[in-house]
C-alpha atoms as a PDB file:
ATOM      1  CA  UNK A   1     158.888 140.145  68.860  1.00  0.00           C
ATOM      2  CA  UNK A   2     157.439 139.866  65.408  1.00  0.00           C
ATOM      3  CA  UNK A   3     157.462 136.345  64.010  1.00  0.00           C
ATOM      4  CA  UNK A   4     155.809 134.102  61.433  1.00  0.00           C
ATOM      5  CA  UNK A   5     154.156 130.762  62.226  1.00  0.00           C
ATOM      6  CA  UNK A   6     156.089 128.483  59.855  1.00  0.00           C
ATOM      7  CA  UNK A   7     156.323 125.154  61.712  1.00  0.00           C
ATOM      8  CA  UNK A   8     153.631 123.425  59.671  1.00  0.00           C
ATOM      9  CA  UNK A   9     154.144 121.241  56.602  1.00  0.00           C
ATOM     10  CA  UNK A  10     151.506 123.192  54.630  1.00  0.00           C
ATOM     11  CA  UNK A  11     150.187 126.724  55.018  1.00  0.00           C
ATOM     12  CA  UNK A  12     146.710 126.292  53.503  1.00  0.00           C
ATOM     13  CA  UNK A  13     144.989 126.005  56.920  1.00  0.00           C
ATOM     14  CA  UNK A  14     144.702 129.156  59.047  1.00  0.00           C
ATOM     15  CA  UNK A  15     146.285 129.807  62.432  1.00  0.00           C
ATOM     16  CA  UNK A  16     143.651 130.667  65.038  1.00  0.00           C
ATOM     17  CA  UNK A  17     144.666 132.541  68.182  1.00  0.00           C
ATOM     18  CA  UNK A  18     142.408 132.900  71.248  1.00  0.00           C
ATOM     19  CA  UNK A  19     143.309 135.538  73.866  1.00  0.00           C
ATOM     20  CA  UNK A  20     142.352 134.950  77.503  1.00  0.00           C
ATOM     21  CA  UNK A  21     143.078 137.168  80.496  1.00  0.00           C
ATOM     22  CA  UNK A  22     144.751 140.561  80.415  1.00  0.00           C
ATOM     23  CA  UNK A  23     144.476 142.819  77.378  1.00  0.00           C
ATOM     24  CA  UNK A  24     147.496 143.016  75.073  1.00  0.00           C
ATOM     25  CA  UNK A  25     148.710 145.223  72.257  1.00  0.00           C
ATOM     26  CA  UNK A  26     148.946 142.999  69.181  1.00  0.00           C
ATOM     27  CA  UNK A  27     150.894 144.007  66.073  1.00  0.00           C
ATOM     28  CA  UNK A  28     150.555 142.494  62.609  1.00  0.00           C
ATOM     29  CA  UNK A  29     152.359 143.340  59.379  1.00  0.00           C
ATOM     30  CA  UNK A  30     152.983 141.825  56.001  1.00  0.00           C
ATOM     31  CA  UNK A  31     154.898 138.780  54.839  1.00  0.00           C
ATOM     32  CA  UNK A  32     158.228 140.637  54.905  1.00  0.00           C
ATOM     33  CA  UNK A  33     159.745 141.681  58.227  1.00  0.00           C
ATOM     34  CA  UNK A  34     160.084 145.328  57.129  1.00  0.00           C
ATOM     35  CA  UNK A  35     156.484 145.683  55.861  1.00  0.00           C
ATOM     36  CA  UNK A  36     154.367 148.333  57.644  1.00  0.00           C
ATOM     37  CA  UNK A  37     152.490 147.115  60.727  1.00  0.00           C
ATOM     38  CA  UNK A  38     149.165 147.811  62.416  1.00  0.00           C
ATOM     39  CA  UNK A  39     148.627 147.575  66.177  1.00  0.00           C
ATOM     40  CA  UNK A  40     145.383 146.976  68.070  1.00  0.00           C
ATOM     41  CA  UNK A  41     144.298 145.754  71.479  1.00  0.00           C
ATOM     42  CA  UNK A  42     143.127 142.193  72.063  1.00  0.00           C
ATOM     43  CA  UNK A  43     140.896 141.632  75.086  1.00  0.00           C
ATOM     44  CA  UNK A  44     139.983 138.405  76.826  1.00  0.00           C
ATOM     45  CA  UNK A  45     137.875 136.295  74.484  1.00  0.00           C
ATOM     46  CA  UNK A  46     139.107 137.938  71.283  1.00  0.00           C
ATOM     47  CA  UNK A  47     140.066 135.651  68.408  1.00  0.00           C
ATOM     48  CA  UNK A  48     142.509 136.384  65.576  1.00  0.00           C
ATOM     49  CA  UNK A  49     142.554 134.270  62.418  1.00  0.00           C
ATOM     50  CA  UNK A  50     145.593 134.416  60.143  1.00  0.00           C
ATOM     51  CA  UNK A  51     144.584 132.702  56.924  1.00  0.00           C
ATOM     52  CA  UNK A  52     144.793 133.181  53.196  1.00  0.00           C
ATOM     53  CA  UNK A  53     147.109 136.058  52.281  1.00  0.00           C
ATOM     54  CA  UNK A  54     147.695 136.866  55.968  1.00  0.00           C
ATOM     55  CA  UNK A  55     148.703 133.301  56.904  1.00  0.00           C
ATOM     56  CA  UNK A  56     152.424 134.142  56.881  1.00  0.00           C
ATOM     57  CA  UNK A  57     152.099 137.705  58.172  1.00  0.00           C
ATOM     58  CA  UNK A  58     154.645 138.771  60.763  1.00  0.00           C
ATOM     59  CA  UNK A  59     152.867 139.313  64.091  1.00  0.00           C
ATOM     60  CA  UNK A  60     153.437 139.492  67.822  1.00  0.00           C
ATOM     61  CA  UNK A  61     152.478 140.964  71.190  1.00  0.00           C
ATOM     62  CA  UNK A  62     154.157 144.276  72.014  1.00  0.00           C
ATOM     63  CA  UNK A  63     152.678 144.839  75.456  1.00  0.00           C
ATOM     64  CA  UNK A  64     150.432 143.293  78.099  1.00  0.00           C
ATOM     65  CA  UNK A  65     148.223 145.569  80.218  1.00  0.00           C
ATOM     66  CA  UNK A  66     148.209 144.083  83.757  1.00  0.00           C
ATOM     67  CA  UNK A  67     145.004 144.101  85.754  1.00  0.00           C
ATOM     68  CA  UNK A  68     142.662 144.448  82.779  1.00  0.00           C
ATOM     69  CA  UNK A  69     140.932 141.096  83.327  1.00  0.00           C
ATOM     70  CA  UNK A  70     139.729 139.127  86.344  1.00  0.00           C
ATOM     71  CA  UNK A  71     139.656 135.836  84.423  1.00  0.00           C
ATOM     72  CA  UNK A  72     142.905 134.495  85.909  1.00  0.00           C
ATOM     73  CA  UNK A  73     143.225 134.496  89.705  1.00  0.00           C
ATOM     74  CA  UNK A  74     146.811 135.840  89.672  1.00  0.00           C
ATOM     75  CA  UNK A  75     146.374 137.950  86.531  1.00  0.00           C
ATOM     76  CA  UNK A  76     148.287 137.528  83.303  1.00  0.00           C
ATOM     77  CA  UNK A  77     147.443 136.380  79.830  1.00  0.00           C
ATOM     78  CA  UNK A  78     147.020 133.027  78.132  1.00  0.00           C
ATOM     79  CA  UNK A  79     147.116 132.622  74.372  1.00  0.00           C
ATOM     80  CA  UNK A  80     145.736 129.463  72.766  1.00  0.00           C
ATOM     81  CA  UNK A  81     147.133 128.944  69.284  1.00  0.00           C
ATOM     82  CA  UNK A  82     145.360 126.416  67.084  1.00  0.00           C
ATOM     83  CA  UNK A  83     146.946 125.155  63.894  1.00  0.00           C
ATOM     84  CA  UNK A  84     147.074 122.093  61.685  1.00  0.00           C
ATOM     85  CA  UNK A  85     150.568 120.624  61.853  1.00  0.00           C
ATOM     86  CA  UNK A  86     150.185 117.755  59.353  1.00  0.00           C
ATOM     87  CA  UNK A  87     148.963 118.004  55.776  1.00  0.00           C
END
């Protein structure tokens, strides 16, 4: 579901997310859970950067579209999330 990345000591560095494998439907909103959201597809190799005003935006994956990538032998999706965890 929708969540914020809040595990870091400081929020001045962005969160970088790399999508690999099957396409997904990604949703992002504002800094309040009930803010309006926008959905778009992320394909293998797409990168999302949440920084600045969007650093604490609620976001999440609503759906994965199986069979949309041949990157992974058994299918599926891998997400690499990069963030600075110490100030």
